[in-house]
N, C-alpha and C. Protein backbone atom coordinates (compact mmCIF):
# COMPACT_ATOMS: atom_id res chain seq x y z
N MET A 1 2.83 -11.48 46.98
CA MET A 1 2.10 -11.33 45.74
C MET A 1 2.62 -12.38 44.77
N ARG A 2 1.73 -13.14 44.22
CA ARG A 2 2.12 -14.18 43.27
C ARG A 2 1.51 -13.87 41.91
N LEU A 3 2.35 -13.82 40.91
CA LEU A 3 1.89 -13.64 39.54
C LEU A 3 1.85 -15.00 38.88
N THR A 4 0.69 -15.59 38.88
CA THR A 4 0.55 -16.93 38.33
C THR A 4 -0.41 -16.93 37.16
N PRO A 5 0.10 -17.01 35.94
CA PRO A 5 -0.82 -17.11 34.81
C PRO A 5 -1.62 -18.40 34.91
N ARG A 6 -2.92 -18.27 34.82
CA ARG A 6 -3.78 -19.44 34.92
C ARG A 6 -4.14 -19.94 33.53
N ILE A 7 -4.78 -21.09 33.49
CA ILE A 7 -5.21 -21.66 32.21
C ILE A 7 -6.22 -20.71 31.59
N MET A 8 -6.05 -20.45 30.31
CA MET A 8 -6.89 -19.50 29.60
C MET A 8 -8.31 -20.04 29.45
N THR A 9 -9.29 -19.15 29.61
CA THR A 9 -10.67 -19.53 29.34
C THR A 9 -10.89 -19.46 27.83
N PRO A 10 -11.92 -20.13 27.30
CA PRO A 10 -12.13 -20.15 25.86
C PRO A 10 -12.32 -18.77 25.24
N GLN A 11 -12.78 -17.78 26.03
CA GLN A 11 -13.03 -16.48 25.44
C GLN A 11 -11.79 -15.58 25.42
N VAL A 12 -10.64 -16.07 25.87
CA VAL A 12 -9.40 -15.31 25.84
C VAL A 12 -8.61 -15.73 24.61
N PHE A 13 -8.15 -14.75 23.85
CA PHE A 13 -7.47 -15.03 22.59
C PHE A 13 -5.96 -15.06 22.76
N ARG A 14 -5.30 -15.96 22.05
CA ARG A 14 -3.84 -16.00 21.95
C ARG A 14 -3.48 -15.57 20.54
N LEU A 15 -3.71 -14.32 20.22
CA LEU A 15 -3.44 -13.85 18.88
C LEU A 15 -2.45 -12.71 18.92
N SER A 16 -1.96 -12.36 17.76
CA SER A 16 -1.03 -11.24 17.67
C SER A 16 -1.77 -9.94 17.93
N VAL A 17 -1.13 -9.07 18.66
CA VAL A 17 -1.70 -7.76 18.94
C VAL A 17 -1.33 -6.84 17.79
N LYS A 18 -2.34 -6.18 17.21
CA LYS A 18 -2.10 -5.27 16.10
C LYS A 18 -1.34 -4.04 16.58
N PRO A 19 -0.39 -3.55 15.78
CA PRO A 19 0.39 -2.37 16.21
C PRO A 19 -0.43 -1.08 16.25
N SER A 20 -1.52 -1.03 15.48
CA SER A 20 -2.36 0.16 15.53
C SER A 20 -3.83 -0.25 15.53
N GLY A 21 -4.63 0.59 16.14
CA GLY A 21 -6.05 0.28 16.27
C GLY A 21 -6.32 -0.63 17.46
N PHE A 22 -7.49 -1.23 17.47
CA PHE A 22 -7.93 -2.06 18.59
C PHE A 22 -7.67 -3.54 18.34
N THR A 23 -7.26 -4.23 19.41
CA THR A 23 -7.15 -5.68 19.41
C THR A 23 -7.94 -6.18 20.61
N THR A 24 -8.89 -7.08 20.39
CA THR A 24 -9.66 -7.65 21.48
C THR A 24 -8.91 -8.84 22.05
N LEU A 25 -8.63 -8.78 23.36
CA LEU A 25 -7.92 -9.85 24.05
C LEU A 25 -8.89 -10.82 24.71
N GLN A 26 -10.04 -10.30 25.12
CA GLN A 26 -11.08 -11.12 25.76
C GLN A 26 -12.43 -10.51 25.42
N ARG A 27 -13.36 -11.34 25.00
CA ARG A 27 -14.69 -10.84 24.63
C ARG A 27 -15.56 -10.51 25.82
N GLY A 28 -15.42 -11.24 26.90
CA GLY A 28 -16.24 -10.99 28.08
C GLY A 28 -17.63 -11.60 28.01
N GLY A 29 -17.82 -12.55 27.11
CA GLY A 29 -19.12 -13.21 26.99
C GLY A 29 -20.02 -12.50 25.99
N ALA A 30 -21.28 -12.95 25.93
CA ALA A 30 -22.24 -12.40 24.97
C ALA A 30 -22.61 -10.95 25.30
N HIS A 31 -22.65 -10.62 26.59
CA HIS A 31 -23.02 -9.26 27.02
C HIS A 31 -22.03 -8.81 28.10
N PRO A 32 -20.87 -8.31 27.70
CA PRO A 32 -19.87 -7.89 28.69
C PRO A 32 -20.40 -6.79 29.62
N ASP A 33 -19.89 -6.78 30.85
CA ASP A 33 -20.29 -5.76 31.83
C ASP A 33 -19.64 -4.41 31.57
N CYS A 34 -18.42 -4.42 31.04
CA CYS A 34 -17.70 -3.18 30.77
C CYS A 34 -16.63 -3.43 29.72
N ASP A 35 -16.07 -2.34 29.20
CA ASP A 35 -14.94 -2.41 28.28
C ASP A 35 -13.72 -1.84 28.98
N ILE A 36 -12.61 -2.55 28.89
CA ILE A 36 -11.34 -2.09 29.44
C ILE A 36 -10.37 -1.97 28.27
N VAL A 37 -9.79 -0.77 28.09
CA VAL A 37 -8.88 -0.53 26.98
C VAL A 37 -7.53 -0.07 27.53
N PHE A 38 -6.46 -0.74 27.12
CA PHE A 38 -5.10 -0.38 27.49
C PHE A 38 -4.48 0.45 26.37
N ILE A 39 -3.93 1.62 26.73
CA ILE A 39 -3.33 2.52 25.75
C ILE A 39 -1.90 2.81 26.19
N HIS A 40 -0.94 2.41 25.37
CA HIS A 40 0.49 2.53 25.71
C HIS A 40 0.97 3.97 25.65
N GLY A 41 2.22 4.16 26.07
CA GLY A 41 2.80 5.49 26.10
C GLY A 41 3.85 5.73 25.04
N LEU A 42 4.67 6.73 25.28
CA LEU A 42 5.71 7.18 24.36
C LEU A 42 6.67 6.04 24.03
N ASN A 43 6.91 5.83 22.75
CA ASN A 43 7.77 4.75 22.25
C ASN A 43 7.31 3.37 22.68
N GLY A 44 6.06 3.25 23.08
CA GLY A 44 5.53 1.96 23.53
C GLY A 44 4.85 1.20 22.42
N LYS A 45 4.46 0.00 22.74
CA LYS A 45 3.73 -0.88 21.83
C LYS A 45 2.53 -1.42 22.60
N PRO A 46 1.42 -1.70 21.90
CA PRO A 46 0.21 -2.15 22.60
C PRO A 46 0.36 -3.49 23.29
N ASP A 47 1.38 -4.26 22.96
CA ASP A 47 1.60 -5.52 23.67
C ASP A 47 2.82 -5.43 24.59
N LYS A 48 3.93 -4.95 24.09
CA LYS A 48 5.18 -4.94 24.86
C LYS A 48 5.12 -4.04 26.10
N SER A 49 4.34 -2.96 26.04
CA SER A 49 4.25 -2.05 27.18
C SER A 49 3.62 -2.69 28.41
N TRP A 50 2.84 -3.73 28.21
CA TRP A 50 2.12 -4.37 29.30
C TRP A 50 2.61 -5.80 29.52
N THR A 51 3.83 -6.12 29.08
CA THR A 51 4.34 -7.48 29.14
C THR A 51 5.57 -7.58 30.04
N TYR A 52 5.55 -8.58 30.93
CA TYR A 52 6.75 -8.96 31.68
C TYR A 52 7.51 -9.90 30.77
N SER A 53 8.73 -9.53 30.44
CA SER A 53 9.54 -10.36 29.55
C SER A 53 10.59 -11.09 30.36
N ALA A 54 10.45 -12.39 30.45
CA ALA A 54 11.38 -13.21 31.22
C ALA A 54 12.79 -13.14 30.64
N ALA A 55 12.90 -13.04 29.34
CA ALA A 55 14.21 -13.04 28.69
C ALA A 55 15.01 -11.79 29.02
N SER A 56 14.35 -10.65 29.17
CA SER A 56 15.08 -9.41 29.40
C SER A 56 15.19 -9.04 30.88
N SER A 57 14.50 -9.74 31.74
CA SER A 57 14.54 -9.44 33.16
C SER A 57 15.72 -10.11 33.83
N GLU A 58 16.31 -9.41 34.79
CA GLU A 58 17.39 -10.02 35.55
C GLU A 58 16.79 -11.07 36.47
N LYS A 59 17.53 -12.17 36.61
CA LYS A 59 17.08 -13.18 37.57
C LYS A 59 17.50 -12.71 38.96
N LYS A 60 16.53 -12.68 39.86
CA LYS A 60 16.81 -12.28 41.23
C LYS A 60 16.41 -13.41 42.15
N SER A 61 17.20 -13.61 43.14
CA SER A 61 16.89 -14.67 44.09
C SER A 61 15.78 -14.21 45.02
N GLU A 62 15.14 -15.17 45.67
CA GLU A 62 14.10 -14.86 46.65
C GLU A 62 14.67 -13.95 47.73
N ARG A 63 15.90 -14.23 48.15
CA ARG A 63 16.54 -13.45 49.20
C ARG A 63 16.73 -12.00 48.76
N SER A 64 17.17 -11.80 47.54
CA SER A 64 17.40 -10.46 47.01
C SER A 64 16.10 -9.66 46.95
N ILE A 65 15.04 -10.28 46.50
CA ILE A 65 13.75 -9.59 46.42
C ILE A 65 13.26 -9.24 47.82
N ARG A 66 13.36 -10.18 48.76
CA ARG A 66 12.94 -9.90 50.13
C ARG A 66 13.76 -8.76 50.72
N HIS A 67 15.07 -8.76 50.46
CA HIS A 67 15.94 -7.72 50.99
C HIS A 67 15.52 -6.35 50.46
N GLN A 68 15.29 -6.25 49.18
CA GLN A 68 14.90 -4.97 48.59
C GLN A 68 13.53 -4.53 49.10
N ALA A 69 12.59 -5.44 49.19
CA ALA A 69 11.25 -5.09 49.66
C ALA A 69 11.28 -4.71 51.14
N SER A 70 12.14 -5.34 51.93
CA SER A 70 12.18 -5.05 53.36
C SER A 70 12.70 -3.64 53.63
N LYS A 71 13.41 -3.04 52.69
CA LYS A 71 13.86 -1.66 52.86
C LYS A 71 12.68 -0.71 53.01
N LEU A 72 11.54 -1.08 52.45
CA LEU A 72 10.35 -0.25 52.56
C LEU A 72 9.76 -0.28 53.96
N PHE A 73 10.08 -1.32 54.74
CA PHE A 73 9.47 -1.52 56.05
C PHE A 73 10.55 -1.64 57.12
N ARG A 74 11.46 -0.69 57.21
CA ARG A 74 12.59 -0.78 58.14
C ARG A 74 12.16 -0.75 59.60
N LYS A 75 11.10 -0.04 59.95
CA LYS A 75 10.71 0.10 61.36
C LYS A 75 10.12 -1.18 61.92
N GLU A 76 9.47 -1.96 61.10
CA GLU A 76 8.85 -3.19 61.56
C GLU A 76 9.44 -4.37 60.80
N LYS A 77 9.54 -5.48 61.50
CA LYS A 77 9.98 -6.69 60.83
C LYS A 77 8.75 -7.37 60.26
N ILE A 78 8.68 -7.43 58.95
CA ILE A 78 7.53 -8.01 58.27
C ILE A 78 8.03 -9.13 57.37
N ASP A 79 7.39 -10.27 57.45
CA ASP A 79 7.74 -11.38 56.57
C ASP A 79 7.06 -11.15 55.23
N ILE A 80 7.84 -10.80 54.24
CA ILE A 80 7.30 -10.49 52.92
C ILE A 80 7.34 -11.74 52.06
N GLN A 81 6.20 -12.12 51.55
CA GLN A 81 6.10 -13.30 50.71
C GLN A 81 6.04 -12.88 49.24
N VAL A 82 7.17 -12.69 48.64
CA VAL A 82 7.25 -12.32 47.24
C VAL A 82 7.92 -13.45 46.50
N SER A 83 7.33 -13.88 45.41
CA SER A 83 7.90 -14.98 44.66
C SER A 83 7.79 -14.72 43.16
N VAL A 84 8.90 -14.89 42.48
CA VAL A 84 8.87 -14.82 41.02
C VAL A 84 9.03 -16.21 40.44
N SER A 85 9.09 -17.21 41.31
CA SER A 85 9.30 -18.57 40.83
C SER A 85 8.08 -19.14 40.11
N ASP A 86 6.90 -18.52 40.32
CA ASP A 86 5.70 -19.00 39.66
C ASP A 86 5.70 -18.72 38.16
N ILE A 87 6.49 -17.75 37.75
CA ILE A 87 6.61 -17.45 36.32
C ILE A 87 7.77 -18.27 35.80
N LYS A 88 7.46 -19.14 34.89
CA LYS A 88 8.47 -20.06 34.37
C LYS A 88 9.53 -19.30 33.59
N GLU A 89 10.73 -19.86 33.63
CA GLU A 89 11.83 -19.26 32.89
C GLU A 89 11.46 -19.16 31.41
N ASN A 90 11.79 -18.03 30.81
CA ASN A 90 11.52 -17.75 29.40
C ASN A 90 10.03 -17.67 29.08
N GLN A 91 9.21 -17.39 30.07
CA GLN A 91 7.78 -17.23 29.84
C GLN A 91 7.42 -15.75 29.94
N ASP A 92 6.92 -15.18 28.85
CA ASP A 92 6.46 -13.81 28.88
C ASP A 92 5.04 -13.78 29.42
N VAL A 93 4.72 -12.73 30.16
CA VAL A 93 3.38 -12.58 30.73
C VAL A 93 2.81 -11.25 30.26
N PHE A 94 1.81 -11.31 29.41
CA PHE A 94 1.08 -10.14 28.92
C PHE A 94 -0.09 -9.95 29.87
N TRP A 95 0.10 -9.11 30.88
CA TRP A 95 -0.82 -9.13 32.01
C TRP A 95 -2.27 -8.77 31.70
N PRO A 96 -2.60 -7.91 30.73
CA PRO A 96 -4.04 -7.73 30.45
C PRO A 96 -4.72 -9.02 30.01
N ARG A 97 -4.00 -9.85 29.28
CA ARG A 97 -4.58 -11.10 28.78
C ARG A 97 -4.36 -12.25 29.76
N ASP A 98 -3.14 -12.38 30.27
CA ASP A 98 -2.78 -13.56 31.05
C ASP A 98 -3.16 -13.47 32.52
N LEU A 99 -3.22 -12.28 33.09
CA LEU A 99 -3.53 -12.14 34.51
C LEU A 99 -4.88 -11.44 34.75
N LEU A 100 -5.06 -10.26 34.18
CA LEU A 100 -6.28 -9.49 34.43
C LEU A 100 -7.53 -10.25 33.99
N SER A 101 -7.45 -10.90 32.86
CA SER A 101 -8.62 -11.63 32.34
C SER A 101 -9.06 -12.76 33.26
N GLN A 102 -8.19 -13.18 34.15
CA GLN A 102 -8.53 -14.28 35.05
C GLN A 102 -9.08 -13.81 36.39
N GLU A 103 -9.01 -12.52 36.65
CA GLU A 103 -9.57 -11.98 37.90
C GLU A 103 -11.10 -12.07 37.84
N ASP A 104 -11.71 -12.46 38.95
CA ASP A 104 -13.17 -12.61 38.99
C ASP A 104 -13.90 -11.36 38.52
N CYS A 105 -13.40 -10.19 38.94
CA CYS A 105 -14.09 -8.95 38.59
C CYS A 105 -13.95 -8.58 37.11
N CYS A 106 -13.08 -9.26 36.38
CA CYS A 106 -12.85 -8.93 34.96
C CYS A 106 -13.24 -10.03 33.99
N LYS A 107 -13.74 -11.14 34.50
CA LYS A 107 -14.08 -12.25 33.61
C LYS A 107 -15.21 -11.91 32.65
N THR A 108 -16.06 -10.96 33.01
CA THR A 108 -17.16 -10.57 32.13
C THR A 108 -16.90 -9.21 31.48
N ALA A 109 -15.64 -8.80 31.44
CA ALA A 109 -15.26 -7.54 30.78
C ALA A 109 -14.65 -7.83 29.42
N ARG A 110 -14.93 -6.95 28.46
CA ARG A 110 -14.23 -7.03 27.18
C ARG A 110 -12.93 -6.26 27.37
N ILE A 111 -11.80 -6.95 27.14
CA ILE A 111 -10.48 -6.36 27.35
C ILE A 111 -9.82 -6.17 25.99
N MET A 112 -9.32 -4.94 25.76
CA MET A 112 -8.71 -4.60 24.47
C MET A 112 -7.44 -3.78 24.68
N THR A 113 -6.62 -3.75 23.64
CA THR A 113 -5.51 -2.80 23.58
C THR A 113 -5.79 -1.84 22.42
N TYR A 114 -5.19 -0.67 22.52
CA TYR A 114 -5.26 0.30 21.43
C TYR A 114 -3.84 0.73 21.11
N GLY A 115 -3.45 0.58 19.85
CA GLY A 115 -2.12 0.96 19.42
C GLY A 115 -2.14 2.16 18.50
N TYR A 116 -1.09 2.95 18.56
CA TYR A 116 -0.93 4.12 17.70
C TYR A 116 0.57 4.36 17.54
N ASP A 117 0.97 5.18 16.58
CA ASP A 117 2.38 5.47 16.34
C ASP A 117 2.87 6.44 17.40
N SER A 118 3.71 5.96 18.30
CA SER A 118 4.22 6.80 19.38
C SER A 118 5.74 6.93 19.32
N ASP A 119 6.32 6.61 18.19
CA ASP A 119 7.77 6.67 18.02
C ASP A 119 8.20 8.11 17.82
N VAL A 120 8.87 8.67 18.82
CA VAL A 120 9.28 10.07 18.78
C VAL A 120 10.27 10.34 17.64
N LEU A 121 11.18 9.42 17.37
CA LEU A 121 12.15 9.64 16.29
C LEU A 121 11.46 9.72 14.94
N LYS A 122 10.46 8.88 14.72
CA LYS A 122 9.71 8.95 13.47
C LYS A 122 9.01 10.29 13.34
N LEU A 123 8.46 10.77 14.45
CA LEU A 123 7.76 12.05 14.42
C LEU A 123 8.69 13.17 13.98
N VAL A 124 9.94 13.13 14.44
CA VAL A 124 10.90 14.18 14.12
C VAL A 124 11.53 13.95 12.75
N GLU A 125 12.07 12.76 12.49
CA GLU A 125 12.80 12.48 11.26
C GLU A 125 11.92 12.47 10.02
N ASN A 126 10.78 11.86 10.10
CA ASN A 126 9.94 11.69 8.91
C ASN A 126 8.83 12.73 8.81
N ALA A 127 8.86 13.71 9.67
CA ALA A 127 7.81 14.73 9.69
C ALA A 127 6.42 14.08 9.69
N ASN A 128 6.27 13.08 10.55
CA ASN A 128 4.99 12.39 10.70
C ASN A 128 4.01 13.34 11.39
N PHE A 129 2.91 13.65 10.74
CA PHE A 129 1.98 14.62 11.28
C PHE A 129 0.87 13.97 12.11
N SER A 130 1.09 12.74 12.51
CA SER A 130 0.13 12.07 13.38
C SER A 130 0.35 12.60 14.79
N THR A 131 -0.28 13.69 15.11
CA THR A 131 -0.06 14.36 16.39
C THR A 131 -0.93 13.74 17.48
N ILE A 132 -0.75 14.25 18.67
CA ILE A 132 -1.56 13.80 19.79
C ILE A 132 -3.04 14.03 19.49
N THR A 133 -3.35 15.15 18.88
CA THR A 133 -4.74 15.46 18.56
C THR A 133 -5.33 14.47 17.57
N THR A 134 -4.59 14.15 16.50
CA THR A 134 -5.13 13.20 15.52
C THR A 134 -5.19 11.80 16.11
N ASN A 135 -4.24 11.45 16.98
CA ASN A 135 -4.33 10.16 17.67
C ASN A 135 -5.55 10.12 18.57
N GLY A 136 -5.85 11.24 19.23
CA GLY A 136 -7.04 11.34 20.07
C GLY A 136 -8.32 11.19 19.25
N GLU A 137 -8.34 11.84 18.09
CA GLU A 137 -9.50 11.72 17.20
C GLU A 137 -9.69 10.28 16.73
N SER A 138 -8.57 9.64 16.37
CA SER A 138 -8.64 8.24 15.92
C SER A 138 -9.16 7.33 17.03
N LEU A 139 -8.67 7.56 18.24
CA LEU A 139 -9.13 6.77 19.39
C LEU A 139 -10.63 6.96 19.60
N LEU A 140 -11.06 8.20 19.60
CA LEU A 140 -12.47 8.50 19.84
C LEU A 140 -13.37 7.90 18.76
N ASN A 141 -12.99 8.06 17.51
CA ASN A 141 -13.78 7.50 16.42
C ASN A 141 -13.79 5.97 16.48
N GLY A 142 -12.64 5.38 16.83
CA GLY A 142 -12.56 3.93 16.96
C GLY A 142 -13.44 3.41 18.09
N LEU A 143 -13.43 4.12 19.23
CA LEU A 143 -14.30 3.73 20.35
C LEU A 143 -15.77 3.81 19.96
N ALA A 144 -16.13 4.87 19.25
CA ALA A 144 -17.53 5.00 18.81
C ALA A 144 -17.91 3.85 17.89
N ARG A 145 -16.99 3.45 17.03
CA ARG A 145 -17.26 2.37 16.07
C ARG A 145 -17.39 1.01 16.77
N ILE A 146 -16.45 0.68 17.66
CA ILE A 146 -16.50 -0.65 18.29
C ILE A 146 -17.55 -0.75 19.38
N ARG A 147 -18.07 0.40 19.82
CA ARG A 147 -19.08 0.39 20.89
C ARG A 147 -20.45 0.81 20.40
N GLU A 148 -20.67 0.82 19.08
CA GLU A 148 -21.96 1.31 18.59
C GLU A 148 -23.12 0.41 19.00
N ASP A 149 -22.87 -0.87 19.27
CA ASP A 149 -23.94 -1.76 19.73
C ASP A 149 -24.15 -1.68 21.24
N CYS A 150 -23.27 -0.98 21.95
CA CYS A 150 -23.34 -0.91 23.41
C CYS A 150 -22.83 0.45 23.90
N PRO A 151 -23.39 1.56 23.44
CA PRO A 151 -22.83 2.87 23.74
C PRO A 151 -22.85 3.27 25.21
N ARG A 152 -23.71 2.67 26.00
CA ARG A 152 -23.82 3.06 27.42
C ARG A 152 -23.04 2.13 28.36
N ARG A 153 -22.37 1.14 27.81
CA ARG A 153 -21.60 0.22 28.64
C ARG A 153 -20.45 0.99 29.30
N PRO A 154 -20.18 0.73 30.59
CA PRO A 154 -19.06 1.41 31.25
C PRO A 154 -17.74 1.16 30.50
N LEU A 155 -16.90 2.18 30.50
CA LEU A 155 -15.63 2.15 29.78
C LEU A 155 -14.51 2.54 30.72
N MET A 156 -13.47 1.71 30.79
CA MET A 156 -12.30 2.01 31.60
C MET A 156 -11.09 2.09 30.67
N LEU A 157 -10.38 3.21 30.73
CA LEU A 157 -9.19 3.40 29.92
C LEU A 157 -7.98 3.37 30.84
N ILE A 158 -7.06 2.45 30.58
CA ILE A 158 -5.84 2.33 31.37
C ILE A 158 -4.70 2.79 30.47
N VAL A 159 -4.04 3.86 30.88
CA VAL A 159 -3.07 4.52 30.00
C VAL A 159 -1.71 4.63 30.66
N HIS A 160 -0.70 4.85 29.81
CA HIS A 160 0.66 5.08 30.28
C HIS A 160 1.22 6.29 29.55
N SER A 161 1.77 7.23 30.24
CA SER A 161 2.44 8.44 29.76
C SER A 161 1.71 9.11 28.60
N LEU A 162 2.27 9.09 27.40
CA LEU A 162 1.69 9.76 26.24
C LEU A 162 0.26 9.28 25.96
N GLY A 163 -0.03 8.04 26.31
CA GLY A 163 -1.39 7.53 26.14
C GLY A 163 -2.40 8.36 26.91
N GLY A 164 -2.00 8.90 28.06
CA GLY A 164 -2.87 9.78 28.83
C GLY A 164 -3.19 11.06 28.09
N LEU A 165 -2.20 11.60 27.38
CA LEU A 165 -2.43 12.81 26.59
C LEU A 165 -3.33 12.53 25.40
N VAL A 166 -3.18 11.35 24.82
CA VAL A 166 -4.05 10.96 23.70
C VAL A 166 -5.49 10.88 24.19
N VAL A 167 -5.70 10.27 25.35
CA VAL A 167 -7.05 10.16 25.92
C VAL A 167 -7.59 11.55 26.27
N LYS A 168 -6.75 12.38 26.88
CA LYS A 168 -7.19 13.74 27.23
C LYS A 168 -7.62 14.49 25.97
N SER A 169 -6.85 14.35 24.91
CA SER A 169 -7.19 14.99 23.65
C SER A 169 -8.53 14.46 23.13
N ALA A 170 -8.75 13.16 23.27
CA ALA A 170 -10.01 12.55 22.82
C ALA A 170 -11.19 13.08 23.64
N ILE A 171 -11.01 13.22 24.94
CA ILE A 171 -12.08 13.68 25.81
C ILE A 171 -12.49 15.11 25.47
N PHE A 172 -11.51 15.93 25.14
CA PHE A 172 -11.81 17.33 24.85
C PHE A 172 -12.04 17.59 23.37
N GLU A 173 -12.08 16.53 22.57
CA GLU A 173 -12.32 16.66 21.13
C GLU A 173 -13.75 17.12 20.90
N GLU A 174 -13.89 18.17 20.14
CA GLU A 174 -15.23 18.71 19.89
C GLU A 174 -15.77 18.32 18.52
N GLY A 175 -14.91 17.90 17.60
CA GLY A 175 -15.35 17.69 16.23
C GLY A 175 -15.88 16.32 15.90
N CYS A 176 -16.04 15.46 16.86
CA CYS A 176 -16.45 14.09 16.56
C CYS A 176 -17.93 13.99 16.20
N GLY A 177 -18.74 14.82 16.81
CA GLY A 177 -20.16 14.78 16.50
C GLY A 177 -20.96 14.02 17.54
N PRO A 178 -22.27 13.92 17.33
CA PRO A 178 -23.15 13.30 18.33
C PRO A 178 -22.89 11.82 18.57
N GLU A 179 -22.27 11.12 17.60
CA GLU A 179 -22.00 9.70 17.81
C GLU A 179 -20.96 9.45 18.90
N CYS A 180 -20.24 10.50 19.32
CA CYS A 180 -19.23 10.36 20.37
C CYS A 180 -19.68 10.94 21.71
N ASP A 181 -20.84 11.56 21.76
CA ASP A 181 -21.30 12.20 22.99
C ASP A 181 -21.38 11.23 24.16
N HIS A 182 -21.78 9.98 23.90
CA HIS A 182 -21.92 9.01 24.98
C HIS A 182 -20.56 8.59 25.55
N ILE A 183 -19.48 8.82 24.82
CA ILE A 183 -18.14 8.49 25.33
C ILE A 183 -17.59 9.67 26.11
N VAL A 184 -17.65 10.86 25.55
CA VAL A 184 -17.06 12.04 26.16
C VAL A 184 -17.95 12.61 27.26
N GLY A 185 -19.26 12.62 27.05
CA GLY A 185 -20.19 13.23 28.00
C GLY A 185 -20.04 12.76 29.43
N PRO A 186 -20.13 11.45 29.71
CA PRO A 186 -20.08 10.99 31.09
C PRO A 186 -18.67 10.77 31.64
N SER A 187 -17.63 11.22 30.92
CA SER A 187 -16.25 10.95 31.35
C SER A 187 -15.95 11.60 32.69
N LYS A 188 -15.26 10.83 33.54
CA LYS A 188 -14.77 11.34 34.82
C LYS A 188 -13.26 11.33 34.73
N TYR A 189 -12.65 12.47 34.87
CA TYR A 189 -11.19 12.57 34.77
C TYR A 189 -10.64 13.45 35.85
């Protein structure tokens, strides 16, 4: 498996990811085929949760990676071709933008992140009342707003830990009204 960031297409943005709300990473053209939204988990960030950070990762030799991977296949001798050399030293890779956007099946997808306050210490220390339910409501209302011109476009939500609970809360939210029916109604979970 090779993780090789390719040259960015003009519709892919190199901008700062907002800590809360939606950030569009790729427009997907004039009429995208689907929307893909990444939602981070507990104590996560909408950019850092999906980023390989070269600075914080241990450098491993090709031999070390092969040795660890070969433990999975002890019964058979398999030549495993794993390389981290394609990622340049000190190069961070934000995979929704740098890798996923370059896959043929995703070039016509609008790719976004969704951020919310998931800091557990803030929730306890500052009595922050932004609960899972209110985060779910915010997500649902935000989706309705950014998708009002394309309410029937397929939607894929990619979540991590607490982000899954936020989405679950959004799916079962009853108070959003008819403007959210097209999001919640056809959901498969």
